[in-house]
Amino acid sequence: MTKFSELNISESTQRSLARMGFEEATPIQEGTIKLGLDGRDIIGQAQTGTGKTTAFGVPIIEKIDTRNRSIQALVIAPTRELAIQVSEEIYRIGNDKRAKVLSVYGGQDIGRQIRALRNNPQIIVGTPGRLLDHIKRKTIKLDNVQTLVLDEADEMLNMGFIEDINAIMAAVPEERQTLLFSATMPAPIRKIAETFMKEPEVVKIKSKAMTVDNIDQFFVKAHEREKFDVLSRILNVDQPELAIVFGRTKRRVDELSHALTIRGYLAEGIHGDLTQAKRMSVLRQFKEGKIDILVATDVAARGLDISGVTHVYNFDIPQDPESYVHRIGRTGRAGKSGKAVTFVTPREMGYLRIVEETTKKRMTPLVPPTSDEALLGQQRLAVEQLTEIIQKDELHDYKQLASSLLEEHDALEVVAAALKNMTREPNDTPVKITEERPLPTRNNRRGGNRGGRGGGGRGRRPFRGGGGGRNQDRRGRSGSGGGGSRRGRDSGSRGRSRPRRQSE
């Protein structure tokens, strides 16, 4: 795969992408960025999980003139949720360049959006109905738009927005670059391309299987404050040889790796703030089996060669299916089976349904093990280790001592004592895990909490109006919250059978 550093993009954008954990470009990103930087119109046809937002976000950021206070790029998205997500990702891509991004959508107080528009955002991401409202009020002026993006055009067609799209596109200068992304190309979408685009290049990515059949996928529904103790008990029961625990933020990774170390595991964290030398050192130790649990942000899931992983634990559910597939793809390789466990808070269940719709595979609910079951897992491991030592038949130097013990103690008691000594009983030492805000609520066709909050992302928010409510256009149609209704959502055994413990 091509690295972003090979795509002729600025150092500031490369730094932002590196912080986001992106090292290598997906096919849709490579094709779109190369053509986009040349100013070509593009039709991108790709399925969910291919990284479309970054594909058009990078050319947008590269072209933005931050000294120009006018709107230079417009992205049209079908739902409020997608508009928020896209704006957040573009904001992160343009973080070092200080590009201003604003999302506008129905259901949010329009007065608040108008006030935010006075801060002169250079990039607008919005839903069709609300964009038209602003155009009619003359609160959004598109005279200087150089780049226009239609994201998930087929979904906007399905939601009845085709007339709105035509009206918006007619209000944008003819001399512009247009990028259209759609999973399918029905006739009305082709007509838009023919009418509003100039000799567009087609970047078509063949749909790939979005998951691996030999990975057993489970989810655990748990409140934020419960998650770490549940993870500890699951680790005691699963006894993974090599595991990766994924966290959403750098702070989360630091706290999780420290907490796991306190509980006796050999764990290290890796994220974008670490130096390259430190990251390589941690990865080398993990590959050599000197670390049993790697705690990571998505930086470890993209473009890095990590093999031999038996278990993946998503301590935080990722924001998009692409990240989920990248994460669990670390296990189940070379024909071996793997196990993936995803923790979901009650308010994030909509994200779980999106992942299931994308991967075409339902996750199995996992009932968290009790403390007694966790202890049983450790005891079972002690039996396995003791049996393995016996089978190696390297006990000659110890048999005389054993004989002396058996003269003084019952054989059953001697074996029980050996097992007790080898068992690492579950550790409930208090640890500090800062609670993270849940992802913004999403809906889907199969369910989920309707209404949700419009804000709530992660880390710093993009420059936008915030707010909430459902995405409604000027005629009262509902954008119905995105979620699963969206077709494409961007963003060996090593000789032991458990994570080794440090001495306690």
Protein backbone atom coordinates (compact mmCIF):
# COMPACT_ATOMS: atom_id res chain seq x y z
CA MET A 1 0.00 0.00 0.00
CA THR A 2 1.05 3.60 -0.61
CA LYS A 3 2.09 5.73 2.36
CA PHE A 4 0.58 9.18 2.72
CA SER A 5 4.12 10.56 2.68
CA GLU A 6 4.36 9.40 -0.95
CA LEU A 7 1.26 11.33 -2.10
CA ASN A 8 2.76 14.80 -2.45
CA ILE A 9 0.77 16.32 0.41
CA SER A 10 2.01 19.01 2.79
CA GLU A 11 3.95 18.21 5.94
CA SER A 12 1.25 19.80 8.11
CA THR A 13 -1.39 17.45 6.67
CA GLN A 14 0.95 14.49 7.05
CA ARG A 15 1.43 15.36 10.72
CA SER A 16 -2.32 15.52 11.24
CA LEU A 17 -2.84 12.16 9.52
CA ALA A 18 -0.09 10.60 11.63
CA ARG A 19 -1.79 11.81 14.80
CA MET A 20 -5.02 10.26 13.55
CA GLY A 21 -3.18 6.95 13.19
CA PHE A 22 -3.17 6.93 9.38
CA GLU A 23 0.09 5.79 7.80
CA GLU A 24 -0.95 4.05 4.61
CA ALA A 25 -3.65 5.15 2.18
CA THR A 26 -6.54 2.87 1.28
CA PRO A 27 -7.17 2.39 -2.47
CA ILE A 28 -9.97 4.97 -2.56
CA GLN A 29 -7.74 7.43 -0.70
CA GLU A 30 -4.76 6.90 -2.96
CA GLY A 31 -6.78 7.30 -6.16
CA THR A 32 -8.87 10.25 -4.96
CA ILE A 33 -6.02 12.21 -3.39
CA LYS A 34 -3.80 11.95 -6.46
CA LEU A 35 -6.56 13.07 -8.83
CA GLY A 36 -7.99 15.55 -6.36
CA LEU A 37 -4.70 17.36 -5.96
CA ASP A 38 -4.60 17.71 -9.75
CA GLY A 39 -7.96 19.46 -9.65
CA ARG A 40 -9.88 16.75 -11.48
CA ASP A 41 -13.57 16.03 -11.00
CA ILE A 42 -13.98 12.60 -9.44
CA ILE A 43 -16.67 9.96 -9.15
CA GLY A 44 -15.76 7.69 -6.27
CA GLN A 45 -17.64 4.41 -6.18
CA ALA A 46 -16.81 2.42 -3.07
CA GLN A 47 -18.49 0.51 -0.30
CA THR A 48 -18.53 1.25 3.39
CA GLY A 49 -15.27 1.17 5.30
CA THR A 50 -12.97 2.36 2.54
CA GLY A 51 -11.98 5.70 4.07
CA LYS A 52 -13.90 8.09 1.82
CA THR A 53 -13.89 11.03 4.22
CA THR A 54 -10.11 11.19 4.32
CA ALA A 55 -10.06 10.62 0.55
CA PHE A 56 -11.82 13.92 -0.13
CA GLY A 57 -10.80 15.63 3.12
CA VAL A 58 -7.11 15.71 2.24
CA PRO A 59 -7.53 17.49 -1.15
CA ILE A 60 -9.92 19.97 0.51
CA ILE A 61 -7.44 20.84 3.25
CA GLU A 62 -4.54 21.05 0.81
CA LYS A 63 -6.42 23.63 -1.29
CA ILE A 64 -7.76 25.79 1.55
CA ASP A 65 -6.25 29.27 1.85
CA THR A 66 -6.52 30.06 5.55
CA ARG A 67 -5.96 33.77 4.84
CA ASN A 68 -9.16 33.79 2.78
CA ARG A 69 -12.18 34.27 5.09
CA SER A 70 -14.76 33.03 2.58
CA ILE A 71 -16.30 29.56 2.20
CA GLN A 72 -13.99 27.61 -0.11
CA ALA A 73 -15.32 24.06 0.20
CA LEU A 74 -18.82 22.61 0.60
CA VAL A 75 -19.63 19.02 1.54
CA ILE A 76 -23.24 17.81 1.25
CA ALA A 77 -24.14 14.81 3.42
CA PRO A 78 -27.48 12.98 3.81
CA THR A 79 -27.79 12.97 7.60
CA ARG A 80 -26.96 15.05 10.62
CA GLU A 81 -24.79 12.27 12.03
CA LEU A 82 -22.73 11.98 8.89
CA ALA A 83 -22.35 15.76 8.64
CA ILE A 84 -21.00 15.87 12.20
CA GLN A 85 -18.68 12.94 11.60
CA VAL A 86 -17.32 14.33 8.34
CA SER A 87 -16.76 17.78 9.83
CA GLU A 88 -14.88 16.30 12.76
CA GLU A 89 -12.60 14.24 10.53
CA ILE A 90 -11.87 17.15 8.18
CA TYR A 91 -11.17 19.32 11.22
CA ARG A 92 -8.60 16.81 12.44
CA ILE A 93 -7.00 16.55 8.99
CA GLY A 94 -6.68 20.34 8.86
CA ASN A 95 -5.71 20.79 12.50
CA ASP A 96 -2.12 21.89 11.86
CA LYS A 97 -3.24 24.18 9.08
CA ARG A 98 -5.88 25.75 11.37
CA ALA A 99 -8.65 25.40 8.80
CA LYS A 100 -12.10 26.37 10.11
CA VAL A 101 -14.85 23.79 9.67
CA LEU A 102 -18.56 24.19 10.43
CA SER A 103 -21.36 21.62 10.27
CA VAL A 104 -24.96 22.78 9.67
CA TYR A 105 -27.98 20.53 9.84
CA GLY A 106 -31.69 20.48 10.54
CA GLY A 107 -33.03 20.27 14.05
CA GLN A 108 -30.35 22.60 15.38
CA ASP A 109 -31.17 26.21 16.22
CA ILE A 110 -30.56 28.08 12.97
CA GLY A 111 -29.78 31.28 14.87
CA ARG A 112 -26.89 29.53 16.53
CA GLN A 113 -25.62 28.41 13.13
CA ILE A 114 -25.92 31.95 11.76
CA ARG A 115 -23.82 33.26 14.66
CA ALA A 116 -21.20 30.55 14.00
CA LEU A 117 -21.13 31.50 10.32
CA ARG A 118 -20.01 35.00 11.29
CA ASN A 119 -16.70 33.46 12.36
CA ASN A 120 -15.96 32.87 8.67
CA PRO A 121 -15.57 29.10 8.33
CA GLN A 122 -13.70 28.03 5.20
CA ILE A 123 -15.31 24.58 4.97
CA ILE A 124 -19.04 23.87 5.38
CA VAL A 125 -20.46 20.38 5.88
CA GLY A 126 -24.23 20.24 5.82
CA THR A 127 -27.45 18.43 5.10
CA PRO A 128 -29.40 19.48 1.98
CA GLY A 129 -32.47 21.06 3.58
CA ARG A 130 -30.58 23.21 6.06
CA LEU A 131 -28.04 24.27 3.43
CA LEU A 132 -30.90 25.50 1.24
CA ASP A 133 -32.36 27.41 4.20
CA HIS A 134 -29.07 29.25 4.65
CA ILE A 135 -28.71 29.90 0.93
CA LYS A 136 -32.19 31.45 0.82
CA ARG A 137 -31.46 33.55 3.91
CA LYS A 138 -28.15 34.58 2.32
CA THR A 139 -26.38 33.52 5.50
CA ILE A 140 -24.24 31.12 3.48
CA LYS A 141 -22.57 32.58 0.41
CA LEU A 142 -21.09 30.11 -2.03
CA ASP A 143 -19.52 32.56 -4.51
CA ASN A 144 -15.97 31.47 -3.67
CA VAL A 145 -16.50 27.71 -3.36
CA GLN A 146 -13.70 25.89 -5.15
CA THR A 147 -14.49 22.32 -4.09
CA LEU A 148 -17.93 20.68 -3.88
CA VAL A 149 -18.37 17.18 -2.44
CA LEU A 150 -21.49 15.01 -2.55
CA ASP A 151 -21.04 12.28 0.05
CA GLU A 152 -23.25 9.19 -0.23
CA ALA A 153 -25.20 10.55 -3.15
CA ASP A 154 -27.29 7.39 -3.51
CA GLU A 155 -28.42 7.70 0.10
CA MET A 156 -29.50 11.29 -0.52
CA LEU A 157 -31.45 10.04 -3.53
CA ASN A 158 -33.15 7.41 -1.36
CA MET A 159 -34.10 10.08 1.19
CA GLY A 160 -35.72 12.30 -1.43
CA PHE A 161 -33.09 15.05 -1.50
CA ILE A 162 -32.34 15.00 -5.24
CA GLU A 163 -34.14 18.30 -5.96
CA ASP A 164 -32.39 20.01 -3.08
CA ILE A 165 -29.02 18.79 -4.34
CA ASN A 166 -29.70 20.13 -7.81
CA ALA A 167 -30.67 23.51 -6.33
CA ILE A 168 -27.54 23.71 -4.17
CA MET A 169 -25.22 22.69 -6.97
CA ALA A 170 -26.75 25.34 -9.22
CA ALA A 171 -25.83 27.96 -6.57
CA VAL A 172 -22.15 27.01 -6.59
CA PRO A 173 -19.79 28.58 -9.19
CA GLU A 174 -19.41 26.56 -12.38
CA GLU A 175 -15.64 26.85 -12.17
CA ARG A 176 -15.10 24.44 -9.32
CA GLN A 177 -13.92 20.93 -8.57
CA THR A 178 -16.69 18.40 -7.92
CA LEU A 179 -16.26 15.08 -6.12
CA LEU A 180 -19.20 12.67 -5.97
CA PHE A 181 -19.17 9.56 -3.81
CA SER A 182 -21.79 6.85 -4.08
CA ALA A 183 -21.87 3.13 -3.35
CA THR A 184 -24.17 2.62 -6.36
CA MET A 185 -24.77 4.65 -9.51
CA PRO A 186 -28.52 4.76 -10.26
CA ALA A 187 -29.73 6.85 -13.20
CA PRO A 188 -30.50 10.08 -11.23
CA ILE A 189 -26.98 10.07 -9.80
CA ARG A 190 -25.47 9.54 -13.25
CA LYS A 191 -27.55 12.49 -14.46
CA ILE A 192 -26.09 14.70 -11.74
CA ALA A 193 -22.62 13.68 -12.85
CA GLU A 194 -23.41 14.41 -16.48
CA THR A 195 -24.99 17.79 -15.67
CA PHE A 196 -22.65 19.22 -13.07
CA MET A 197 -19.27 17.52 -13.58
CA LYS A 198 -16.55 18.00 -16.18
CA GLU A 199 -14.98 14.85 -17.60
CA PRO A 200 -14.92 13.15 -14.21
CA GLU A 201 -12.36 10.48 -13.44
CA VAL A 202 -13.87 7.33 -11.95
CA VAL A 203 -12.22 5.78 -8.91
CA LYS A 204 -13.99 2.48 -8.39
CA ILE A 205 -13.01 0.19 -5.56
CA LYS A 206 -14.10 -3.40 -5.70
CA SER A 207 -16.04 -4.37 -2.62
CA LYS A 208 -14.08 -6.59 -0.29
CA ALA A 209 -15.23 -8.84 2.49
CA MET A 210 -15.51 -6.59 5.51
CA THR A 211 -14.77 -9.20 8.11
CA VAL A 212 -13.01 -12.53 8.59
CA ASP A 213 -15.00 -15.71 8.99
CA ASN A 214 -12.60 -17.33 11.44
CA ILE A 215 -12.93 -14.53 14.00
CA ASP A 216 -15.49 -15.12 16.73
CA GLN A 217 -17.09 -11.74 17.43
CA PHE A 218 -18.72 -10.88 20.74
CA PHE A 219 -20.03 -7.75 22.40
CA VAL A 220 -20.38 -6.85 26.07
CA LYS A 221 -22.96 -4.26 27.07
CA ALA A 222 -21.58 -2.40 30.07
CA HIS A 223 -21.62 1.05 31.59
CA GLU A 224 -18.44 3.09 31.32
CA ARG A 225 -17.54 2.72 35.01
CA GLU A 226 -17.85 -1.09 34.82
CA LYS A 227 -15.79 -1.73 31.73
CA PHE A 228 -12.32 -2.16 33.20
CA ASP A 229 -13.29 -4.68 35.88
CA VAL A 230 -15.24 -6.63 33.25
CA LEU A 231 -12.20 -6.56 30.94
CA SER A 232 -10.00 -7.88 33.76
CA ARG A 233 -12.34 -10.79 34.42
CA ILE A 234 -12.60 -11.62 30.72
CA LEU A 235 -8.80 -11.64 30.42
CA ASN A 236 -8.60 -14.03 33.38
CA VAL A 237 -11.06 -16.39 31.69
CA ASP A 238 -9.78 -16.08 28.10
CA GLN A 239 -6.08 -16.33 28.94
CA PRO A 240 -5.00 -14.88 25.56
CA GLU A 241 -1.50 -15.60 24.30
CA LEU A 242 -1.16 -12.18 22.70
CA ALA A 243 -3.88 -9.55 22.88
CA ILE A 244 -4.52 -6.00 21.71
CA VAL A 245 -6.82 -3.73 23.68
CA PHE A 246 -8.02 -0.74 21.64
CA GLY A 247 -8.92 2.56 23.30
CA ARG A 248 -10.43 5.64 21.68
CA THR A 249 -8.05 8.29 23.02
CA LYS A 250 -4.41 8.66 23.98
CA ARG A 251 -5.37 9.32 27.60
CA ARG A 252 -7.45 6.16 27.57
CA VAL A 253 -4.51 4.11 26.28
CA ASP A 254 -2.14 5.50 28.91
CA GLU A 255 -4.59 4.81 31.73
CA LEU A 256 -5.51 1.32 30.50
CA SER A 257 -1.90 0.18 30.09
CA HIS A 258 -1.05 1.52 33.57
CA ALA A 259 -4.12 -0.13 35.12
CA LEU A 260 -3.39 -3.48 33.48
CA THR A 261 0.17 -3.30 34.77
CA ILE A 262 -1.15 -2.65 38.28
CA ARG A 263 -3.36 -5.71 37.93
CA GLY A 264 -0.31 -7.80 37.06
CA TYR A 265 -0.27 -8.01 33.28
CA LEU A 266 2.70 -7.24 31.09
CA ALA A 267 1.09 -4.41 29.15
CA GLU A 268 2.37 -1.42 27.18
CA GLY A 269 0.54 1.37 25.39
CA ILE A 270 1.11 2.83 21.94
CA HIS A 271 -0.37 5.98 20.39
CA GLY A 272 0.48 8.93 18.20
CA ASP A 273 2.20 11.01 20.90
CA LEU A 274 4.97 8.49 21.35
CA THR A 275 8.20 8.96 19.47
CA GLN A 276 8.80 6.70 16.49
CA ALA A 277 11.63 5.00 18.39
CA LYS A 278 9.37 4.27 21.38
CA ARG A 279 6.59 2.95 19.17
CA MET A 280 8.97 0.64 17.36
CA SER A 281 10.43 -0.55 20.67
CA VAL A 282 6.98 -1.42 22.06
CA LEU A 283 5.96 -3.19 18.85
CA ARG A 284 9.20 -5.16 18.79
CA GLN A 285 8.67 -6.31 22.38
CA PHE A 286 5.10 -7.30 21.55
CA LYS A 287 6.15 -9.31 18.50
CA GLU A 288 8.86 -11.04 20.56
CA GLY A 289 6.34 -11.99 23.25
CA LYS A 290 7.94 -9.80 25.94
CA ILE A 291 4.66 -7.91 26.22
CA ASP A 292 1.43 -9.86 26.41
CA ILE A 293 -1.10 -7.06 26.03
CA LEU A 294 -0.67 -4.13 23.68
CA VAL A 295 -2.99 -1.22 24.42
CA ALA A 296 -3.42 1.01 21.39
CA THR A 297 -5.30 3.70 19.58
CA ASP A 298 -6.13 3.03 15.95
CA VAL A 299 -2.55 3.94 15.04
CA ALA A 300 -1.66 0.30 15.74
CA ALA A 301 -4.41 -1.00 13.49
CA ARG A 302 -3.44 0.83 10.31
CA GLY A 303 -0.50 -0.16 8.21
CA LEU A 304 1.53 -1.86 10.93
CA ASP A 305 2.59 -5.49 10.70
CA ILE A 306 1.33 -7.12 13.89
CA SER A 307 0.81 -10.86 13.66
CA GLY A 308 0.26 -13.72 16.09
CA VAL A 309 -2.53 -11.90 17.92
CA THR A 310 -5.09 -14.28 19.41
CA HIS A 311 -7.53 -11.79 20.93
CA VAL A 312 -8.68 -8.24 20.22
CA TYR A 313 -10.62 -6.27 22.82
CA ASN A 314 -12.33 -3.05 21.74
CA PHE A 315 -12.50 -1.30 25.11
CA ASP A 316 -14.17 1.55 23.22
CA ILE A 317 -16.31 0.81 20.18
CA PRO A 318 -14.82 2.57 17.15
CA GLN A 319 -16.70 5.40 15.46
CA ASP A 320 -16.89 3.75 12.05
CA PRO A 321 -16.98 0.20 10.64
CA GLU A 322 -13.68 0.66 8.79
CA SER A 323 -11.82 1.07 12.07
CA TYR A 324 -13.59 -1.97 13.51
CA VAL A 325 -12.53 -4.14 10.58
CA HIS A 326 -8.95 -2.88 10.80
CA ARG A 327 -8.87 -3.62 14.49
CA ILE A 328 -10.23 -7.17 14.50
CA GLY A 329 -8.16 -7.93 11.39
CA ARG A 330 -5.12 -8.07 13.67
CA THR A 331 -6.27 -11.55 14.75
CA GLY A 332 -7.54 -14.63 12.92
CA ARG A 333 -4.68 -14.60 10.43
CA ALA A 334 -2.99 -17.36 8.46
CA GLY A 335 -5.97 -19.67 8.87
CA LYS A 336 -5.93 -19.48 12.65
CA SER A 337 -8.97 -18.62 14.68
CA GLY A 338 -9.28 -15.40 16.64
CA LYS A 339 -11.60 -13.75 19.08
CA ALA A 340 -12.83 -10.16 19.15
CA VAL A 341 -14.77 -8.65 22.07
CA THR A 342 -16.30 -5.18 21.81
CA PHE A 343 -17.46 -3.18 24.81
CA VAL A 344 -20.57 -1.08 24.19
CA THR A 345 -22.26 1.35 26.55
CA PRO A 346 -26.06 1.42 26.38
CA ARG A 347 -26.00 4.75 24.53
CA GLU A 348 -23.63 3.40 21.87
CA MET A 349 -25.69 0.40 20.77
CA GLY A 350 -26.49 2.15 17.47
CA TYR A 351 -22.82 1.91 16.50
CA LEU A 352 -22.88 -1.82 17.14
CA ARG A 353 -25.78 -2.21 14.69
CA ILE A 354 -23.93 -0.18 12.07
CA VAL A 355 -20.91 -2.49 12.35
CA GLU A 356 -23.14 -5.56 12.11
CA GLU A 357 -24.89 -4.25 9.00
CA THR A 358 -21.55 -3.48 7.40
CA THR A 359 -19.86 -6.77 8.21
CA LYS A 360 -23.05 -8.78 7.51
CA LYS A 361 -22.42 -10.66 10.73
CA ARG A 362 -24.20 -10.42 14.06
CA MET A 363 -22.04 -10.30 17.17
CA THR A 364 -22.81 -12.73 19.96
CA PRO A 365 -23.74 -11.13 23.30
CA LEU A 366 -21.23 -12.09 25.96
CA VAL A 367 -22.30 -12.28 29.59
CA PRO A 368 -19.41 -10.93 31.68
CA PRO A 369 -17.80 -13.62 33.82
CA THR A 370 -18.21 -13.44 37.58
CA SER A 371 -15.26 -13.15 39.96
CA ASP A 372 -15.60 -16.88 40.72
CA GLU A 373 -15.45 -17.70 37.01
CA ALA A 374 -12.38 -15.49 36.64
CA LEU A 375 -10.71 -17.38 39.50
CA LEU A 376 -11.68 -20.67 37.88
CA GLY A 377 -9.94 -19.50 34.69
CA GLN A 378 -6.74 -18.84 36.62
CA GLN A 379 -6.98 -22.20 38.38
CA ARG A 380 -7.49 -23.97 35.07
CA LEU A 381 -4.38 -22.25 33.75
CA ALA A 382 -2.38 -23.41 36.78
CA VAL A 383 -3.47 -27.01 36.09
CA GLU A 384 -2.40 -26.66 32.45
CA GLN A 385 0.98 -25.26 33.45
CA LEU A 386 1.56 -27.98 36.04
CA THR A 387 0.61 -30.67 33.51
CA GLU A 388 2.97 -29.13 30.94
CA ILE A 389 5.85 -29.19 33.46
CA ILE A 390 5.18 -32.87 34.22
CA GLN A 391 5.09 -33.76 30.52
CA LYS A 392 8.46 -32.13 29.92
CA ASP A 393 9.93 -34.70 32.36
CA GLU A 394 12.63 -32.39 33.68
CA LEU A 395 11.90 -32.97 37.38
CA HIS A 396 14.84 -35.20 38.42
CA ASP A 397 16.40 -32.53 40.67
CA TYR A 398 13.08 -32.05 42.47
CA LYS A 399 11.94 -35.63 43.05
CA GLN A 400 13.85 -36.11 46.29
CA LEU A 401 12.26 -32.94 47.71
CA ALA A 402 8.88 -34.16 46.54
CA SER A 403 9.42 -37.51 48.24
CA SER A 404 10.24 -35.75 51.52
CA LEU A 405 7.07 -33.63 51.26
CA LEU A 406 4.93 -36.70 50.66
CA GLU A 407 6.33 -38.33 53.81
CA GLU A 408 5.04 -35.40 55.85
CA HIS A 409 1.90 -34.35 53.95
CA ASP A 410 -1.00 -35.89 52.10
CA ALA A 411 -0.43 -36.05 48.31
CA LEU A 412 -3.71 -34.26 47.61
CA GLU A 413 -2.67 -31.37 49.86
CA VAL A 414 0.74 -31.11 48.19
CA VAL A 415 -0.79 -30.88 44.71
CA ALA A 416 -3.42 -28.40 45.92
CA ALA A 417 -0.69 -26.24 47.47
CA ALA A 418 1.31 -26.30 44.23
CA LEU A 419 -1.76 -25.25 42.26
CA LYS A 420 -2.60 -22.48 44.73
CA ASN A 421 0.95 -21.17 44.51
CA MET A 422 0.77 -21.12 40.70
CA THR A 423 -2.66 -19.52 40.53
CA ARG A 424 -2.72 -15.77 40.07
CA GLU A 425 -5.90 -14.99 41.94
CA PRO A 426 -7.94 -12.13 40.42
CA ASN A 427 -6.55 -8.78 41.49
CA ASP A 428 -9.01 -6.06 42.47
CA THR A 429 -6.46 -3.34 43.23
CA PRO A 430 -8.21 0.01 42.64
CA VAL A 431 -7.26 1.70 39.36
CA LYS A 432 -8.13 5.03 37.80
CA ILE A 433 -9.84 5.01 34.43
CA THR A 434 -11.27 8.38 33.42
CA GLU A 435 -14.76 8.05 31.98
CA GLU A 436 -14.93 9.07 28.32
CA ARG A 437 -17.94 10.78 26.79
CA PRO A 438 -20.00 8.35 24.69
CA LEU A 439 -20.01 8.73 20.94
CA PRO A 440 -22.86 10.89 19.58
CA THR A 441 -26.07 8.91 19.44
CA ARG A 442 -26.84 7.24 16.13
CA ASN A 443 -29.97 5.60 14.82
CA ASN A 444 -30.47 2.92 12.24
CA ARG A 445 -33.27 1.11 10.50
CA ARG A 446 -33.27 -1.69 13.00
CA GLY A 447 -33.48 0.55 16.03
CA GLY A 448 -31.39 2.66 18.36
CA ASN A 449 -32.21 5.73 20.38
CA ARG A 450 -33.88 8.32 18.26
CA GLY A 451 -33.12 11.98 18.53
CA GLY A 452 -29.67 11.73 20.08
CA ARG A 453 -27.27 14.53 20.67
CA GLY A 454 -25.75 16.42 17.83
CA GLY A 455 -22.51 17.13 19.58
CA GLY A 456 -20.38 14.78 21.57
CA GLY A 457 -17.45 13.62 19.43
CA ARG A 458 -14.09 12.89 20.85
CA GLY A 459 -11.19 15.11 21.66
CA ARG A 460 -11.38 18.69 20.39
CA ARG A 461 -14.50 19.58 18.48
CA PRO A 462 -14.39 21.09 15.04
CA PHE A 463 -15.37 24.73 14.61
CA ARG A 464 -19.13 24.31 14.41
CA GLY A 465 -22.38 25.32 15.98
CA GLY A 466 -23.03 22.22 18.14
CA GLY A 467 -26.58 21.46 19.20
CA GLY A 468 -28.85 18.52 18.56
CA GLY A 469 -32.15 17.32 17.24
CA ARG A 470 -33.07 15.44 14.10
CA ASN A 471 -32.05 16.38 10.64
CA GLN A 472 -35.12 17.91 8.98
CA ASP A 473 -35.25 19.84 5.76
CA ARG A 474 -37.44 22.87 5.16
CA ARG A 475 -40.47 20.71 4.28
CA GLY A 476 -40.25 18.77 7.54
CA ARG A 477 -38.79 15.57 6.07
CA SER A 478 -36.73 13.70 8.56
CA GLY A 479 -33.12 12.73 7.92
CA SER A 480 -33.82 10.11 10.55
CA GLY A 481 -30.50 10.01 12.23
CA GLY A 482 -28.15 8.09 9.94
CA GLY A 483 -26.94 4.95 11.65
CA GLY A 484 -27.50 1.77 9.71
CA SER A 485 -29.57 3.61 7.13
CA ARG A 486 -26.38 4.93 5.68
CA ARG A 487 -24.92 2.78 2.99
CA GLY A 488 -21.32 3.78 3.51
CA ARG A 489 -20.00 5.02 6.79
CA ASP A 490 -16.69 6.66 7.01
CA SER A 491 -15.00 7.69 8.96
CA GLY A 492 1.20 -19.80 16.76
CA SER A 493 1.56 -20.45 20.02
CA ARG A 494 4.57 -18.97 21.75
CA GLY A 495 4.86 -21.69 24.33
CA ARG A 496 2.42 -20.28 26.85
CA SER A 497 -1.32 -20.18 27.18
CA ARG A 498 -2.02 -16.91 28.96
CA PRO A 499 -0.75 -13.38 29.50
CA ARG A 500 2.20 -13.75 31.82
CA ARG A 501 1.94 -11.88 35.09
CA GLN A 502 4.54 -9.87 36.85
CA SER A 503 5.40 -11.08 40.32
CA GLU A 504 2.83 -9.84 42.81
